[in-house]
Amino acid sequence: MNASEFVVRLGEERMPDVFNPWGERDSLDAAELPWLERRLRLARHLDALPVLLLIGEAPGYQGCRYSGVPFTNEALICAGQIPRIESTRFTRRERPWSEPSATIMWGALREHGIADRVVLWNAFPYHPHRPREPHSNRRPITYELEKQAWALDTLLRMFPGAPAIAVGRVAERALGALGVAPVATLRHPAMGGANEFRRGLAQLVKGAR
């Protein structure tokens, strides 16, 4: 499956209490066909020869839900901080969405000079939220991870030469369920893990040089 086929397949899935960025519209989306724009942004992100695959947990409501790119928010895109992605607004909010984990992630990638050579993804591809609370985050449950494991498996097959790095324990377990041992498991930058994540990434990049 190539990148174009992958993003189209992603858009077909529907699950309760889960938002599909590449197949659904949100009330704050500014574009007429926002899912199509998110598919295009994701395809551009995947148009890379990555030295690392960084695998997180799941999209958040301030980030990938609207951007369509894991660990990426509207504010970073507007600031021109995301390789291969055009700077533009795409929500009707007065201020662009900004997600702490995304800001920490891209800041660290730029610091180590690998921002344009990394592909970001998640163990669960879609945005899981609490019932009737679309602008909330929750951890994906086992059934959801198992049902959508095809997406992570496909992503890994698209970049067979790039080592997979788990960002958090959920990603570590999801990779393990596919028979993939991550090269390393980094602390997720959320919930006070920013400094530990930065240190772990620095050691990883240093060891790869």
N, C-alpha and C. Protein backbone atom coordinates (compact mmCIF):
# COMPACT_ATOMS: atom_id res chain seq x y z
N MET A 1 0.85 -1.20 0.00
CA MET A 1 0.00 0.00 0.00
C MET A 1 0.88 1.24 0.00
N ASN A 2 0.65 2.16 -0.95
CA ASN A 2 1.43 3.39 -0.97
C ASN A 2 0.74 4.46 -0.12
N ALA A 3 1.37 5.64 -0.01
CA ALA A 3 0.87 6.69 0.87
C ALA A 3 -0.53 7.16 0.46
N SER A 4 -0.76 7.30 -0.84
CA SER A 4 -2.08 7.76 -1.31
C SER A 4 -3.17 6.77 -0.95
N GLU A 5 -2.90 5.49 -1.15
CA GLU A 5 -3.88 4.46 -0.80
C GLU A 5 -4.09 4.41 0.71
N PHE A 6 -3.02 4.63 1.45
CA PHE A 6 -3.08 4.60 2.91
C PHE A 6 -4.00 5.68 3.46
N VAL A 7 -3.84 6.92 3.00
CA VAL A 7 -4.65 8.00 3.54
C VAL A 7 -6.12 7.85 3.15
N VAL A 8 -6.39 7.30 1.98
CA VAL A 8 -7.78 7.03 1.58
C VAL A 8 -8.38 5.96 2.48
N ARG A 9 -7.63 4.89 2.73
CA ARG A 9 -8.10 3.82 3.61
C ARG A 9 -8.34 4.32 5.02
N LEU A 10 -7.48 5.19 5.51
CA LEU A 10 -7.67 5.77 6.84
C LEU A 10 -9.02 6.46 6.97
N GLY A 11 -9.42 7.15 5.90
CA GLY A 11 -10.65 7.93 5.95
C GLY A 11 -11.92 7.12 6.00
N GLU A 12 -11.84 5.82 5.80
CA GLU A 12 -13.03 4.98 5.72
C GLU A 12 -13.54 4.51 7.08
N GLU A 13 -12.72 4.55 8.10
CA GLU A 13 -13.06 3.96 9.39
C GLU A 13 -13.99 4.85 10.22
N ARG A 14 -14.92 4.21 10.96
CA ARG A 14 -15.79 4.90 11.91
C ARG A 14 -15.90 4.05 13.17
N MET A 15 -15.80 4.70 14.34
CA MET A 15 -15.92 4.01 15.62
C MET A 15 -16.61 4.93 16.61
N PRO A 16 -17.34 4.39 17.59
CA PRO A 16 -17.98 5.24 18.60
C PRO A 16 -16.97 6.00 19.44
N ASP A 17 -17.28 7.24 19.74
CA ASP A 17 -16.44 8.08 20.60
C ASP A 17 -15.02 8.22 20.06
N VAL A 18 -14.92 8.21 18.75
CA VAL A 18 -13.64 8.35 18.05
C VAL A 18 -13.86 9.25 16.84
N PHE A 19 -12.99 10.24 16.66
CA PHE A 19 -13.08 11.14 15.51
C PHE A 19 -12.02 10.75 14.49
N ASN A 20 -12.44 10.64 13.24
CA ASN A 20 -11.53 10.30 12.15
C ASN A 20 -11.14 11.58 11.41
N PRO A 21 -9.92 12.08 11.63
CA PRO A 21 -9.52 13.35 11.00
C PRO A 21 -9.55 13.31 9.47
N TRP A 22 -9.36 12.12 8.88
CA TRP A 22 -9.24 12.01 7.42
C TRP A 22 -10.53 11.56 6.77
N GLY A 23 -11.63 11.56 7.56
CA GLY A 23 -12.91 11.16 7.00
C GLY A 23 -14.11 11.92 7.53
N GLU A 24 -13.88 12.78 8.55
CA GLU A 24 -15.00 13.49 9.17
C GLU A 24 -14.73 14.98 9.28
N ARG A 25 -15.83 15.71 9.49
CA ARG A 25 -15.75 17.17 9.64
C ARG A 25 -16.02 17.54 11.09
N ASP A 26 -15.29 18.52 11.59
CA ASP A 26 -15.47 19.05 12.95
C ASP A 26 -16.16 20.41 12.86
N SER A 27 -16.87 20.77 13.91
CA SER A 27 -17.61 22.03 13.91
C SER A 27 -16.72 23.25 13.78
N LEU A 28 -15.43 23.13 14.14
CA LEU A 28 -14.52 24.26 14.05
C LEU A 28 -13.70 24.28 12.77
N ASP A 29 -13.88 23.30 11.91
CA ASP A 29 -13.16 23.29 10.64
C ASP A 29 -13.59 24.47 9.77
N ALA A 30 -12.61 25.10 9.14
CA ALA A 30 -12.91 26.24 8.27
C ALA A 30 -13.12 25.83 6.82
N ALA A 31 -12.49 24.77 6.39
CA ALA A 31 -12.56 24.36 4.98
C ALA A 31 -13.87 23.65 4.67
N GLU A 32 -14.24 23.67 3.40
CA GLU A 32 -15.45 22.98 2.96
C GLU A 32 -15.27 21.47 3.01
N LEU A 33 -14.06 21.02 2.68
CA LEU A 33 -13.74 19.59 2.72
C LEU A 33 -12.50 19.39 3.61
N PRO A 34 -12.64 19.58 4.91
CA PRO A 34 -11.47 19.56 5.80
C PRO A 34 -10.76 18.21 5.82
N TRP A 35 -11.52 17.10 5.72
CA TRP A 35 -10.88 15.79 5.74
C TRP A 35 -9.95 15.60 4.54
N LEU A 36 -10.33 16.21 3.41
CA LEU A 36 -9.48 16.12 2.23
C LEU A 36 -8.19 16.89 2.44
N GLU A 37 -8.29 18.08 3.03
CA GLU A 37 -7.08 18.86 3.33
C GLU A 37 -6.18 18.11 4.30
N ARG A 38 -6.78 17.44 5.28
CA ARG A 38 -5.97 16.68 6.23
C ARG A 38 -5.29 15.49 5.55
N ARG A 39 -5.99 14.87 4.61
CA ARG A 39 -5.36 13.79 3.85
C ARG A 39 -4.15 14.30 3.08
N LEU A 40 -4.28 15.46 2.48
CA LEU A 40 -3.17 16.03 1.70
C LEU A 40 -1.99 16.37 2.61
N ARG A 41 -2.28 16.93 3.79
CA ARG A 41 -1.18 17.25 4.71
C ARG A 41 -0.48 15.99 5.18
N LEU A 42 -1.26 14.94 5.48
CA LEU A 42 -0.63 13.69 5.92
C LEU A 42 0.21 13.09 4.79
N ALA A 43 -0.30 13.11 3.58
CA ALA A 43 0.46 12.57 2.44
C ALA A 43 1.78 13.31 2.27
N ARG A 44 1.77 14.62 2.47
CA ARG A 44 3.02 15.39 2.38
C ARG A 44 3.97 15.01 3.50
N HIS A 45 3.43 14.82 4.70
CA HIS A 45 4.28 14.41 5.82
C HIS A 45 4.94 13.06 5.54
N LEU A 46 4.19 12.15 4.92
CA LEU A 46 4.71 10.81 4.65
C LEU A 46 5.65 10.77 3.45
N ASP A 47 5.73 11.86 2.71
CA ASP A 47 6.62 11.92 1.55
C ASP A 47 8.04 12.22 2.02
N ALA A 48 8.66 11.22 2.62
CA ALA A 48 9.97 11.42 3.26
C ALA A 48 10.78 10.14 3.22
N LEU A 49 12.08 10.31 3.47
CA LEU A 49 12.99 9.17 3.66
C LEU A 49 13.46 9.25 5.11
N PRO A 50 12.66 8.76 6.03
CA PRO A 50 12.94 8.99 7.45
C PRO A 50 14.11 8.20 8.00
N VAL A 51 14.82 8.83 8.93
CA VAL A 51 15.85 8.13 9.68
C VAL A 51 15.28 7.52 10.95
N LEU A 52 14.09 8.00 11.35
CA LEU A 52 13.41 7.49 12.53
C LEU A 52 11.90 7.52 12.30
N LEU A 53 11.20 6.54 12.86
CA LEU A 53 9.75 6.56 12.97
C LEU A 53 9.43 6.73 14.45
N LEU A 54 8.80 7.83 14.80
CA LEU A 54 8.43 8.07 16.19
C LEU A 54 6.94 7.76 16.35
N ILE A 55 6.61 6.79 17.18
CA ILE A 55 5.25 6.30 17.33
C ILE A 55 4.70 6.71 18.69
N GLY A 56 3.65 7.52 18.69
CA GLY A 56 3.02 7.96 19.92
C GLY A 56 1.81 7.13 20.28
N GLU A 57 0.91 7.72 21.05
CA GLU A 57 -0.27 6.98 21.55
C GLU A 57 -1.49 7.15 20.65
N ALA A 58 -1.97 8.40 20.53
CA ALA A 58 -3.17 8.68 19.74
C ALA A 58 -3.26 10.18 19.49
N PRO A 59 -3.96 10.60 18.44
CA PRO A 59 -4.14 12.04 18.18
C PRO A 59 -4.86 12.73 19.33
N GLY A 60 -4.56 14.01 19.51
CA GLY A 60 -5.23 14.82 20.51
C GLY A 60 -6.15 15.84 19.87
N TYR A 61 -7.07 16.39 20.66
CA TYR A 61 -8.07 17.30 20.09
C TYR A 61 -7.48 18.66 19.72
N GLN A 62 -6.31 19.00 20.25
CA GLN A 62 -5.68 20.28 19.90
C GLN A 62 -4.67 20.14 18.77
N GLY A 63 -4.44 18.91 18.35
CA GLY A 63 -3.39 18.68 17.36
C GLY A 63 -3.87 17.98 16.11
N CYS A 64 -3.62 16.67 16.04
CA CYS A 64 -3.89 15.90 14.83
C CYS A 64 -5.36 15.87 14.45
N ARG A 65 -6.26 16.05 15.40
CA ARG A 65 -7.69 16.09 15.07
C ARG A 65 -7.97 17.13 13.99
N TYR A 66 -7.24 18.23 14.03
CA TYR A 66 -7.44 19.30 13.05
C TYR A 66 -6.35 19.36 11.99
N SER A 67 -5.14 19.02 12.35
CA SER A 67 -4.03 19.12 11.38
C SER A 67 -3.97 17.92 10.45
N GLY A 68 -4.33 16.73 10.96
CA GLY A 68 -4.20 15.52 10.17
C GLY A 68 -2.81 14.92 10.19
N VAL A 69 -1.91 15.52 10.96
CA VAL A 69 -0.53 15.03 11.07
C VAL A 69 -0.22 14.78 12.55
N PRO A 70 0.20 13.58 12.93
CA PRO A 70 0.49 13.29 14.34
C PRO A 70 1.48 14.27 14.95
N PHE A 71 1.27 14.56 16.24
CA PHE A 71 2.15 15.47 16.99
C PHE A 71 2.30 16.82 16.28
N THR A 72 1.25 17.31 15.66
CA THR A 72 1.34 18.55 14.90
C THR A 72 0.08 19.38 15.11
N ASN A 73 0.26 20.65 15.46
CA ASN A 73 -0.90 21.51 15.68
C ASN A 73 -0.94 22.67 14.70
N GLU A 74 -2.06 23.37 14.73
CA GLU A 74 -2.29 24.47 13.80
C GLU A 74 -1.29 25.61 14.00
N ALA A 75 -0.94 25.91 15.25
CA ALA A 75 -0.02 27.01 15.51
C ALA A 75 1.35 26.75 14.89
N LEU A 76 1.84 25.52 14.99
CA LEU A 76 3.14 25.19 14.40
C LEU A 76 3.09 25.28 12.88
N ILE A 77 2.00 24.83 12.29
CA ILE A 77 1.86 24.92 10.84
C ILE A 77 1.80 26.37 10.40
N CYS A 78 1.04 27.18 11.10
CA CYS A 78 0.94 28.61 10.77
C CYS A 78 2.31 29.29 10.86
N ALA A 79 3.12 28.84 11.79
CA ALA A 79 4.45 29.43 11.98
C ALA A 79 5.48 28.88 11.00
N GLY A 80 5.07 27.98 10.11
CA GLY A 80 5.98 27.43 9.13
C GLY A 80 7.02 26.50 9.72
N GLN A 81 6.66 25.83 10.82
CA GLN A 81 7.63 24.99 11.54
C GLN A 81 7.61 23.53 11.13
N ILE A 82 6.67 23.15 10.24
CA ILE A 82 6.52 21.74 9.90
C ILE A 82 7.00 21.49 8.47
N PRO A 83 8.04 20.69 8.28
CA PRO A 83 8.56 20.41 6.93
C PRO A 83 7.49 19.88 5.99
N ARG A 84 7.54 20.36 4.75
CA ARG A 84 6.68 19.89 3.66
C ARG A 84 5.22 20.31 3.79
N ILE A 85 4.86 21.03 4.86
CA ILE A 85 3.47 21.43 5.08
C ILE A 85 3.35 22.94 4.90
N GLU A 86 2.42 23.37 4.05
CA GLU A 86 2.23 24.79 3.78
C GLU A 86 1.67 25.51 5.00
N SER A 87 2.15 26.71 5.25
CA SER A 87 1.68 27.53 6.36
C SER A 87 0.29 28.08 6.06
N THR A 88 -0.70 27.74 6.89
CA THR A 88 -2.07 28.19 6.65
C THR A 88 -2.93 27.98 7.89
N ARG A 89 -4.01 28.77 8.02
CA ARG A 89 -5.02 28.53 9.03
C ARG A 89 -6.04 27.53 8.49
N PHE A 90 -6.61 26.70 9.37
CA PHE A 90 -7.63 25.77 8.89
C PHE A 90 -8.75 25.53 9.90
N THR A 91 -8.80 26.33 10.98
CA THR A 91 -9.95 26.29 11.88
C THR A 91 -10.55 27.68 12.00
N ARG A 92 -11.76 27.73 12.57
CA ARG A 92 -12.45 29.00 12.76
C ARG A 92 -12.19 29.60 14.15
N ARG A 93 -11.30 29.03 14.91
CA ARG A 93 -10.94 29.60 16.21
C ARG A 93 -10.25 30.95 16.03
N GLU A 94 -10.43 31.82 17.01
CA GLU A 94 -9.75 33.11 16.96
C GLU A 94 -8.25 32.92 16.97
N ARG A 95 -7.78 32.00 17.79
CA ARG A 95 -6.35 31.70 17.86
C ARG A 95 -6.14 30.26 17.40
N PRO A 96 -5.05 29.98 16.70
CA PRO A 96 -4.79 28.60 16.25
C PRO A 96 -4.61 27.66 17.44
N TRP A 97 -5.04 26.43 17.24
CA TRP A 97 -4.81 25.42 18.28
C TRP A 97 -3.31 25.22 18.50
N SER A 98 -2.95 25.04 19.77
CA SER A 98 -1.57 24.77 20.12
C SER A 98 -1.56 23.64 21.13
N GLU A 99 -0.77 22.60 20.87
CA GLU A 99 -0.72 21.42 21.72
C GLU A 99 0.69 21.28 22.31
N PRO A 100 0.82 21.20 23.62
CA PRO A 100 2.15 21.13 24.23
C PRO A 100 3.03 20.01 23.70
N SER A 101 2.48 18.80 23.58
CA SER A 101 3.30 17.66 23.12
C SER A 101 3.88 17.92 21.74
N ALA A 102 3.06 18.51 20.86
CA ALA A 102 3.53 18.80 19.50
C ALA A 102 4.65 19.83 19.52
N THR A 103 4.49 20.85 20.33
CA THR A 103 5.50 21.91 20.42
C THR A 103 6.83 21.34 20.94
N ILE A 104 6.74 20.50 21.95
CA ILE A 104 7.95 19.87 22.51
C ILE A 104 8.59 18.96 21.48
N MET A 105 7.79 18.15 20.81
CA MET A 105 8.30 17.21 19.81
C MET A 105 9.07 17.92 18.71
N TRP A 106 8.44 18.89 18.06
CA TRP A 106 9.09 19.54 16.92
C TRP A 106 10.26 20.41 17.34
N GLY A 107 10.19 20.99 18.54
CA GLY A 107 11.34 21.75 19.03
C GLY A 107 12.56 20.87 19.19
N ALA A 108 12.35 19.65 19.74
CA ALA A 108 13.46 18.72 19.92
C ALA A 108 13.99 18.21 18.58
N LEU A 109 13.09 17.94 17.63
CA LEU A 109 13.52 17.45 16.31
C LEU A 109 14.35 18.51 15.59
N ARG A 110 13.92 19.76 15.68
CA ARG A 110 14.69 20.84 15.03
C ARG A 110 16.04 21.02 15.72
N GLU A 111 16.06 20.91 17.04
CA GLU A 111 17.31 21.07 17.79
C GLU A 111 18.37 20.07 17.32
N HIS A 112 17.94 18.88 16.98
CA HIS A 112 18.88 17.83 16.57
C HIS A 112 19.03 17.73 15.05
N GLY A 113 18.40 18.65 14.33
CA GLY A 113 18.58 18.71 12.88
C GLY A 113 17.96 17.57 12.10
N ILE A 114 16.92 16.94 12.65
CA ILE A 114 16.31 15.81 11.95
C ILE A 114 14.82 16.03 11.67
N ALA A 115 14.35 17.26 11.80
CA ALA A 115 12.92 17.53 11.64
C ALA A 115 12.39 17.11 10.28
N ASP A 116 13.22 17.24 9.24
CA ASP A 116 12.76 16.90 7.89
C ASP A 116 13.03 15.45 7.54
N ARG A 117 13.53 14.66 8.49
CA ARG A 117 13.87 13.25 8.21
C ARG A 117 13.23 12.30 9.21
N VAL A 118 12.08 12.70 9.72
CA VAL A 118 11.36 11.88 10.69
C VAL A 118 9.90 11.76 10.26
N VAL A 119 9.32 10.59 10.44
CA VAL A 119 7.89 10.40 10.23
C VAL A 119 7.26 10.10 11.59
N LEU A 120 6.18 10.80 11.89
CA LEU A 120 5.47 10.65 13.15
C LEU A 120 4.17 9.88 12.93
N TRP A 121 3.85 9.01 13.87
CA TRP A 121 2.60 8.25 13.77
C TRP A 121 2.13 7.91 15.17
N ASN A 122 1.00 7.18 15.27
CA ASN A 122 0.45 6.82 16.57
C ASN A 122 0.03 5.35 16.60
N ALA A 123 0.05 4.77 17.80
CA ALA A 123 -0.42 3.40 17.97
C ALA A 123 -1.88 3.27 17.56
N PHE A 124 -2.69 4.25 17.93
CA PHE A 124 -4.09 4.32 17.50
C PHE A 124 -4.21 5.53 16.59
N PRO A 125 -4.63 5.36 15.33
CA PRO A 125 -4.53 6.45 14.37
C PRO A 125 -5.53 7.59 14.55
N TYR A 126 -6.67 7.31 15.20
CA TYR A 126 -7.75 8.30 15.28
C TYR A 126 -7.82 8.97 16.66
N HIS A 127 -8.67 9.98 16.77
CA HIS A 127 -8.74 10.73 18.04
C HIS A 127 -9.82 10.15 18.96
N PRO A 128 -9.43 9.47 20.03
CA PRO A 128 -10.40 8.96 20.99
C PRO A 128 -10.78 10.05 22.00
N HIS A 129 -12.07 10.22 22.22
CA HIS A 129 -12.53 11.26 23.15
C HIS A 129 -13.60 10.69 24.08
N ARG A 130 -13.89 11.39 25.16
CA ARG A 130 -14.93 10.96 26.07
C ARG A 130 -16.30 11.10 25.41
N PRO A 131 -17.27 10.27 25.81
CA PRO A 131 -18.60 10.34 25.19
C PRO A 131 -19.20 11.75 25.26
N ARG A 132 -19.66 12.22 24.11
CA ARG A 132 -20.31 13.54 23.97
C ARG A 132 -19.38 14.70 24.32
N GLU A 133 -18.07 14.44 24.36
CA GLU A 133 -17.09 15.50 24.61
C GLU A 133 -16.01 15.44 23.54
N PRO A 134 -16.32 15.95 22.34
CA PRO A 134 -15.36 15.84 21.23
C PRO A 134 -14.04 16.56 21.50
N HIS A 135 -14.07 17.61 22.33
CA HIS A 135 -12.84 18.34 22.63
C HIS A 135 -12.29 17.86 23.98
N SER A 136 -12.00 16.58 24.00
CA SER A 136 -11.38 15.94 25.15
C SER A 136 -10.48 14.83 24.63
N ASN A 137 -9.59 14.35 25.47
CA ASN A 137 -8.72 13.23 25.12
C ASN A 137 -8.92 12.09 26.10
N ARG A 138 -8.77 10.88 25.61
CA ARG A 138 -8.76 9.70 26.48
C ARG A 138 -7.80 8.68 25.88
N ARG A 139 -7.39 7.74 26.68
CA ARG A 139 -6.50 6.68 26.21
C ARG A 139 -7.31 5.66 25.40
N PRO A 140 -6.81 5.23 24.25
CA PRO A 140 -7.52 4.21 23.48
C PRO A 140 -7.58 2.89 24.25
N ILE A 141 -8.71 2.20 24.15
CA ILE A 141 -8.86 0.93 24.85
C ILE A 141 -8.29 -0.21 23.99
N THR A 142 -8.13 -1.37 24.60
CA THR A 142 -7.49 -2.49 23.91
C THR A 142 -8.21 -2.87 22.62
N TYR A 143 -9.55 -2.91 22.67
CA TYR A 143 -10.31 -3.26 21.47
C TYR A 143 -10.02 -2.30 20.33
N GLU A 144 -9.96 -1.01 20.63
CA GLU A 144 -9.70 -0.01 19.59
C GLU A 144 -8.30 -0.20 19.00
N LEU A 145 -7.33 -0.41 19.85
CA LEU A 145 -5.96 -0.62 19.38
C LEU A 145 -5.86 -1.85 18.49
N GLU A 146 -6.53 -2.92 18.89
CA GLU A 146 -6.48 -4.15 18.11
C GLU A 146 -7.19 -3.98 16.77
N LYS A 147 -8.33 -3.33 16.77
CA LYS A 147 -9.11 -3.16 15.54
C LYS A 147 -8.37 -2.32 14.51
N GLN A 148 -7.62 -1.33 14.97
CA GLN A 148 -6.95 -0.42 14.05
C GLN A 148 -5.44 -0.67 13.96
N ALA A 149 -4.99 -1.83 14.41
CA ALA A 149 -3.57 -2.16 14.33
C ALA A 149 -3.06 -2.22 12.90
N TRP A 150 -3.98 -2.43 11.95
CA TRP A 150 -3.59 -2.47 10.53
C TRP A 150 -2.87 -1.20 10.11
N ALA A 151 -3.28 -0.04 10.69
CA ALA A 151 -2.70 1.24 10.28
C ALA A 151 -1.23 1.34 10.69
N LEU A 152 -0.92 0.97 11.93
CA LEU A 152 0.47 0.98 12.38
C LEU A 152 1.29 -0.03 11.59
N ASP A 153 0.73 -1.21 11.36
CA ASP A 153 1.43 -2.23 10.59
C ASP A 153 1.73 -1.73 9.17
N THR A 154 0.76 -1.08 8.55
CA THR A 154 0.96 -0.54 7.20
C THR A 154 2.03 0.53 7.18
N LEU A 155 1.99 1.42 8.17
CA LEU A 155 2.98 2.49 8.25
C LEU A 155 4.39 1.92 8.36
N LEU A 156 4.57 0.91 9.20
CA LEU A 156 5.88 0.30 9.37
C LEU A 156 6.36 -0.34 8.07
N ARG A 157 5.44 -0.96 7.33
CA ARG A 157 5.81 -1.59 6.06
C ARG A 157 6.15 -0.57 4.98
N MET A 158 5.60 0.63 5.09
CA MET A 158 5.90 1.68 4.12
C MET A 158 7.33 2.19 4.25
N PHE A 159 7.90 2.04 5.46
CA PHE A 159 9.26 2.55 5.72
C PHE A 159 10.09 1.43 6.37
N PRO A 160 10.37 0.38 5.63
CA PRO A 160 11.02 -0.81 6.22
C PRO A 160 12.43 -0.56 6.74
N GLY A 161 13.11 0.45 6.25
CA GLY A 161 14.48 0.67 6.69
C GLY A 161 14.63 1.61 7.87
N ALA A 162 13.52 2.20 8.31
CA ALA A 162 13.58 3.19 9.40
C ALA A 162 13.29 2.54 10.74
N PRO A 163 14.15 2.73 11.74
CA PRO A 163 13.90 2.16 13.06
C PRO A 163 12.70 2.80 13.74
N ALA A 164 11.90 1.99 14.41
CA ALA A 164 10.72 2.47 15.12
C ALA A 164 11.06 2.80 16.57
N ILE A 165 10.67 3.99 16.99
CA ILE A 165 10.87 4.46 18.37
C ILE A 165 9.51 4.62 19.02
N ALA A 166 9.30 3.98 20.15
CA ALA A 166 8.04 4.13 20.88
C ALA A 166 8.11 5.38 21.75
N VAL A 167 7.09 6.21 21.65
CA VAL A 167 6.98 7.39 22.51
C VAL A 167 5.87 7.09 23.51
N GLY A 168 6.25 6.48 24.62
CA GLY A 168 5.28 6.07 25.63
C GLY A 168 5.02 4.57 25.62
N ARG A 169 4.43 4.07 26.69
CA ARG A 169 4.22 2.63 26.85
C ARG A 169 3.11 2.09 25.96
N VAL A 170 2.10 2.90 25.65
CA VAL A 170 1.04 2.42 24.77
C VAL A 170 1.63 2.07 23.41
N ALA A 171 2.49 2.94 22.90
CA ALA A 171 3.14 2.67 21.62
C ALA A 171 4.05 1.45 21.71
N GLU A 172 4.75 1.32 22.82
CA GLU A 172 5.64 0.17 23.01
C GLU A 172 4.85 -1.14 22.94
N ARG A 173 3.69 -1.17 23.61
CA ARG A 173 2.86 -2.38 23.60
C ARG A 173 2.25 -2.63 22.23
N ALA A 174 1.85 -1.56 21.54
CA ALA A 174 1.25 -1.73 20.21
C ALA A 174 2.27 -2.29 19.22
N LEU A 175 3.49 -1.81 19.29
CA LEU A 175 4.55 -2.35 18.43
C LEU A 175 4.82 -3.80 18.77
N GLY A 176 4.88 -4.10 20.06
CA GLY A 176 5.12 -5.47 20.48
C GLY A 176 4.04 -6.42 20.00
N ALA A 177 2.78 -5.97 19.97
CA ALA A 177 1.68 -6.80 19.50
C ALA A 177 1.83 -7.15 18.03
N LEU A 178 2.59 -6.34 17.30
CA LEU A 178 2.86 -6.61 15.88
C LEU A 178 4.16 -7.37 15.69
N GLY A 179 4.79 -7.74 16.80
CA GLY A 179 6.05 -8.46 16.71
C GLY A 179 7.24 -7.58 16.43
N VAL A 180 7.09 -6.27 16.71
CA VAL A 180 8.16 -5.31 16.45
C VAL A 180 8.74 -4.84 17.78
N ALA A 181 10.03 -5.02 17.96
CA ALA A 181 10.70 -4.52 19.16
C ALA A 181 11.23 -3.13 18.86
N PRO A 182 10.72 -2.08 19.51
CA PRO A 182 11.21 -0.73 19.23
C PRO A 182 12.69 -0.60 19.58
N VAL A 183 13.39 0.21 18.81
CA VAL A 183 14.81 0.46 19.08
C VAL A 183 14.97 1.10 20.46
N ALA A 184 14.00 1.90 20.84
CA ALA A 184 14.02 2.55 22.15
C ALA A 184 12.59 2.94 22.51
N THR A 185 12.35 3.13 23.80
CA THR A 185 11.08 3.66 24.28
C THR A 185 11.37 4.95 25.02
N LEU A 186 10.84 6.05 24.51
CA LEU A 186 11.03 7.35 25.12
C LEU A 186 9.84 7.70 25.99
N ARG A 187 10.08 8.51 26.99
CA ARG A 187 8.98 9.04 27.80
C ARG A 187 8.12 9.94 26.92
N HIS A 188 6.81 9.79 27.03
CA HIS A 188 5.92 10.68 26.28
C HIS A 188 6.07 12.09 26.83
N PRO A 189 6.10 13.12 25.96
CA PRO A 189 6.32 14.49 26.45
C PRO A 189 5.16 15.07 27.25
N ALA A 190 3.98 14.44 27.21
CA ALA A 190 2.83 14.95 27.96
C ALA A 190 2.97 14.64 29.45
N MET A 191 2.15 15.34 30.25
CA MET A 191 2.03 15.07 31.68
C MET A 191 3.37 15.11 32.40
N GLY A 192 4.15 16.14 32.17
CA GLY A 192 5.39 16.34 32.89
C GLY A 192 6.57 15.55 32.35
N GLY A 193 6.43 14.96 31.17
CA GLY A 193 7.51 14.14 30.64
C GLY A 193 8.43 14.85 29.66
N ALA A 194 8.30 16.16 29.51
CA ALA A 194 9.03 16.89 28.48
C ALA A 194 10.54 16.75 28.60
N ASN A 195 11.07 17.01 29.77
CA ASN A 195 12.54 16.97 29.93
C ASN A 195 13.09 15.57 29.73
N GLU A 196 12.39 14.57 30.25
CA GLU A 196 12.85 13.20 30.08
C GLU A 196 12.79 12.79 28.61
N PHE A 197 11.74 13.24 27.91
CA PHE A 197 11.65 12.95 26.48
C PHE A 197 12.82 13.59 25.73
N ARG A 198 13.11 14.85 26.03
CA ARG A 198 14.22 15.53 25.35
C ARG A 198 15.55 14.83 25.60
N ARG A 199 15.78 14.42 26.83
CA ARG A 199 17.03 13.71 27.15
C ARG A 199 17.11 12.39 26.40
N GLY A 200 16.01 11.66 26.38
CA GLY A 200 16.01 10.38 25.70
C GLY A 200 16.25 10.51 24.21
N LEU A 201 15.62 11.51 23.59
CA LEU A 201 15.83 11.73 22.16
C LEU A 201 17.26 12.15 21.88
N ALA A 202 17.82 12.99 22.74
CA ALA A 202 19.21 13.44 22.55
C ALA A 202 20.17 12.26 22.58
N GLN A 203 19.97 11.34 23.52
CA GLN A 203 20.83 10.16 23.62
C GLN A 203 20.66 9.27 22.41
N LEU A 204 19.43 9.15 21.94
CA LEU A 204 19.15 8.31 20.78
C LEU A 204 19.83 8.85 19.53
N VAL A 205 19.69 10.15 19.31
CA VAL A 205 20.29 10.77 18.13
C VAL A 205 21.81 10.70 18.21
N LYS A 206 22.36 10.94 19.41
CA LYS A 206 23.81 10.90 19.59
C LYS A 206 24.35 9.50 19.28
N GLY A 207 23.62 8.47 19.73
CA GLY A 207 24.06 7.12 19.50
C GLY A 207 23.98 6.68 18.05
N ALA A 208 23.09 7.35 17.29
CA ALA A 208 22.92 6.99 15.88
C ALA A 208 23.96 7.64 14.98
N ARG A 209 24.68 8.62 15.50
CA ARG A 209 25.67 9.34 14.68
C ARG A 209 26.99 8.60 14.63
